[in-house]
N, C-alpha and C. Protein backbone atom coordinates (compact mmCIF):
# COMPACT_ATOMS: atom_id res chain seq x y z
N UNK A 1 -10.20 -7.56 3.52
CA UNK A 1 -10.50 -6.37 2.78
C UNK A 1 -9.96 -6.52 1.37
N UNK A 2 -10.62 -5.88 0.47
CA UNK A 2 -10.17 -5.93 -0.92
C UNK A 2 -10.83 -4.81 -1.71
N UNK A 3 -10.75 -4.94 -2.98
CA UNK A 3 -11.34 -3.93 -3.85
C UNK A 3 -12.86 -3.96 -3.77
N UNK A 4 -13.46 -2.79 -3.92
CA UNK A 4 -14.91 -2.73 -4.00
C UNK A 4 -15.30 -2.28 -5.40
N UNK A 5 -16.44 -2.71 -5.83
CA UNK A 5 -16.92 -2.35 -7.16
C UNK A 5 -17.54 -0.96 -7.14
N UNK A 6 -17.74 -0.42 -8.31
CA UNK A 6 -18.39 0.90 -8.41
C UNK A 6 -19.80 0.84 -7.85
N UNK A 7 -20.51 -0.25 -8.09
CA UNK A 7 -21.88 -0.36 -7.57
C UNK A 7 -21.87 -0.44 -6.05
N UNK A 8 -20.87 -1.11 -5.47
CA UNK A 8 -20.76 -1.15 -4.00
C UNK A 8 -20.45 0.24 -3.45
N UNK A 9 -19.58 0.96 -4.14
CA UNK A 9 -19.24 2.31 -3.71
C UNK A 9 -20.46 3.22 -3.77
N UNK A 10 -21.24 3.10 -4.84
CA UNK A 10 -22.46 3.92 -4.97
C UNK A 10 -23.43 3.62 -3.83
N UNK A 11 -23.55 2.35 -3.46
CA UNK A 11 -24.45 1.96 -2.37
C UNK A 11 -23.97 2.55 -1.04
N UNK A 12 -22.67 2.52 -0.81
CA UNK A 12 -22.11 3.10 0.42
C UNK A 12 -22.38 4.60 0.47
N UNK A 13 -22.13 5.29 -0.63
CA UNK A 13 -22.37 6.74 -0.69
C UNK A 13 -23.84 7.04 -0.42
N UNK A 14 -24.72 6.25 -1.02
CA UNK A 14 -26.17 6.45 -0.83
C UNK A 14 -26.54 6.30 0.65
N UNK A 15 -26.03 5.25 1.31
CA UNK A 15 -26.35 5.00 2.72
C UNK A 15 -25.76 6.08 3.63
N UNK A 16 -24.50 6.44 3.39
CA UNK A 16 -23.86 7.44 4.25
C UNK A 16 -24.46 8.83 4.08
N UNK A 17 -24.96 9.11 2.89
CA UNK A 17 -25.57 10.42 2.64
C UNK A 17 -26.79 10.67 3.52
N UNK A 18 -27.37 9.60 4.02
CA UNK A 18 -28.54 9.73 4.90
C UNK A 18 -28.16 10.19 6.30
N UNK A 19 -26.90 9.96 6.69
CA UNK A 19 -26.49 10.28 8.06
C UNK A 19 -25.36 11.31 8.14
N UNK A 20 -24.79 11.68 7.01
CA UNK A 20 -23.67 12.62 7.02
C UNK A 20 -23.87 13.68 5.93
N UNK A 21 -23.51 14.92 6.24
CA UNK A 21 -23.70 15.97 5.23
C UNK A 21 -22.74 15.84 4.04
N UNK A 22 -21.57 15.29 4.25
CA UNK A 22 -20.59 15.08 3.18
C UNK A 22 -20.09 13.65 3.24
N UNK A 23 -19.83 13.07 2.08
CA UNK A 23 -19.36 11.69 1.99
C UNK A 23 -18.12 11.66 1.11
N UNK A 24 -17.11 10.93 1.57
CA UNK A 24 -15.88 10.82 0.80
C UNK A 24 -15.43 9.38 0.65
N UNK A 25 -14.69 9.13 -0.42
CA UNK A 25 -14.11 7.82 -0.67
C UNK A 25 -12.60 7.98 -0.75
N UNK A 26 -11.86 7.05 -0.15
CA UNK A 26 -10.40 7.07 -0.17
C UNK A 26 -9.92 5.69 -0.61
N UNK A 27 -8.94 5.69 -1.51
CA UNK A 27 -8.34 4.45 -1.96
C UNK A 27 -6.83 4.60 -2.00
N UNK A 28 -6.12 3.59 -1.52
CA UNK A 28 -4.66 3.61 -1.57
C UNK A 28 -4.14 3.04 -2.89
N UNK A 29 -5.01 2.39 -3.66
CA UNK A 29 -4.58 1.74 -4.90
C UNK A 29 -4.76 2.66 -6.11
N UNK A 30 -5.97 3.22 -6.25
CA UNK A 30 -6.26 4.10 -7.38
C UNK A 30 -7.37 5.06 -6.97
N UNK A 31 -7.50 6.14 -7.71
CA UNK A 31 -8.52 7.13 -7.36
C UNK A 31 -9.90 6.52 -7.54
N UNK A 32 -10.75 6.65 -6.51
CA UNK A 32 -12.10 6.11 -6.62
C UNK A 32 -12.94 6.92 -7.62
N UNK A 33 -14.04 6.35 -8.06
CA UNK A 33 -14.91 7.09 -8.99
C UNK A 33 -15.46 8.35 -8.33
N UNK A 34 -15.73 9.35 -9.14
CA UNK A 34 -16.23 10.64 -8.65
C UNK A 34 -17.73 10.56 -8.36
N UNK A 35 -18.10 9.76 -7.36
CA UNK A 35 -19.51 9.61 -7.02
C UNK A 35 -19.82 10.14 -5.63
N UNK A 36 -18.79 10.62 -4.95
CA UNK A 36 -18.96 11.16 -3.60
C UNK A 36 -18.61 12.64 -3.62
N UNK A 37 -18.78 13.30 -2.47
CA UNK A 37 -18.41 14.71 -2.38
C UNK A 37 -16.90 14.88 -2.56
N UNK A 38 -16.14 13.92 -2.05
CA UNK A 38 -14.68 13.94 -2.16
C UNK A 38 -14.20 12.53 -2.50
N UNK A 39 -13.30 12.43 -3.46
CA UNK A 39 -12.69 11.14 -3.81
C UNK A 39 -11.18 11.34 -3.84
N UNK A 40 -10.47 10.60 -2.98
CA UNK A 40 -9.03 10.75 -2.88
C UNK A 40 -8.34 9.43 -3.22
N UNK A 41 -7.36 9.53 -4.11
CA UNK A 41 -6.54 8.38 -4.45
C UNK A 41 -5.14 8.58 -3.91
N UNK A 42 -4.21 7.71 -4.29
CA UNK A 42 -2.86 7.78 -3.73
C UNK A 42 -2.14 9.10 -4.03
N UNK A 43 -2.29 9.64 -5.21
CA UNK A 43 -1.62 10.90 -5.55
C UNK A 43 -2.12 12.04 -4.67
N UNK A 44 -3.42 12.10 -4.48
CA UNK A 44 -4.00 13.16 -3.65
C UNK A 44 -3.55 13.02 -2.19
N UNK A 45 -3.48 11.79 -1.70
CA UNK A 45 -3.03 11.56 -0.33
C UNK A 45 -1.57 11.95 -0.15
N UNK A 46 -0.73 11.67 -1.15
CA UNK A 46 0.68 12.07 -1.08
C UNK A 46 0.79 13.59 -1.06
N UNK A 47 0.00 14.26 -1.90
CA UNK A 47 0.03 15.73 -1.93
C UNK A 47 -0.41 16.32 -0.59
N UNK A 48 -1.42 15.75 0.01
CA UNK A 48 -1.89 16.22 1.31
C UNK A 48 -0.80 16.03 2.36
N UNK A 49 -0.14 14.87 2.34
CA UNK A 49 0.94 14.59 3.30
C UNK A 49 2.10 15.57 3.11
N UNK A 50 2.45 15.87 1.86
CA UNK A 50 3.53 16.83 1.60
C UNK A 50 3.16 18.22 2.13
N UNK A 51 1.93 18.65 1.90
CA UNK A 51 1.49 19.95 2.40
C UNK A 51 1.51 20.00 3.92
N UNK A 52 1.07 18.93 4.55
CA UNK A 52 1.07 18.89 6.01
C UNK A 52 2.51 18.92 6.53
N UNK A 53 3.42 18.25 5.84
CA UNK A 53 4.81 18.22 6.26
C UNK A 53 5.44 19.60 6.15
N UNK A 54 5.08 20.36 5.10
CA UNK A 54 5.57 21.73 4.96
C UNK A 54 5.19 22.57 6.16
N UNK A 55 3.96 22.42 6.60
CA UNK A 55 3.47 23.18 7.75
C UNK A 55 4.24 22.82 9.03
N UNK A 56 4.59 21.57 9.17
CA UNK A 56 5.30 21.11 10.36
C UNK A 56 6.75 21.61 10.35
N UNK A 57 7.38 21.63 9.19
CA UNK A 57 8.78 22.03 9.08
C UNK A 57 9.00 23.52 9.29
N UNK A 58 7.99 24.33 9.15
CA UNK A 58 8.14 25.78 9.28
C UNK A 58 8.46 26.16 10.67
């Protein structure tokens, strides 16, 4: 596994859009391009984890 190009990401979004109502891209290295319904990078994933942890600690 490795980095994918923007054109590869666009192709994936195009294909998945045919079978799924929403399509998202996730990257642990950097935020993916805004070509899907949802694009999450490392900062967004950390924020989600922090929010989930708050709910657990209550």
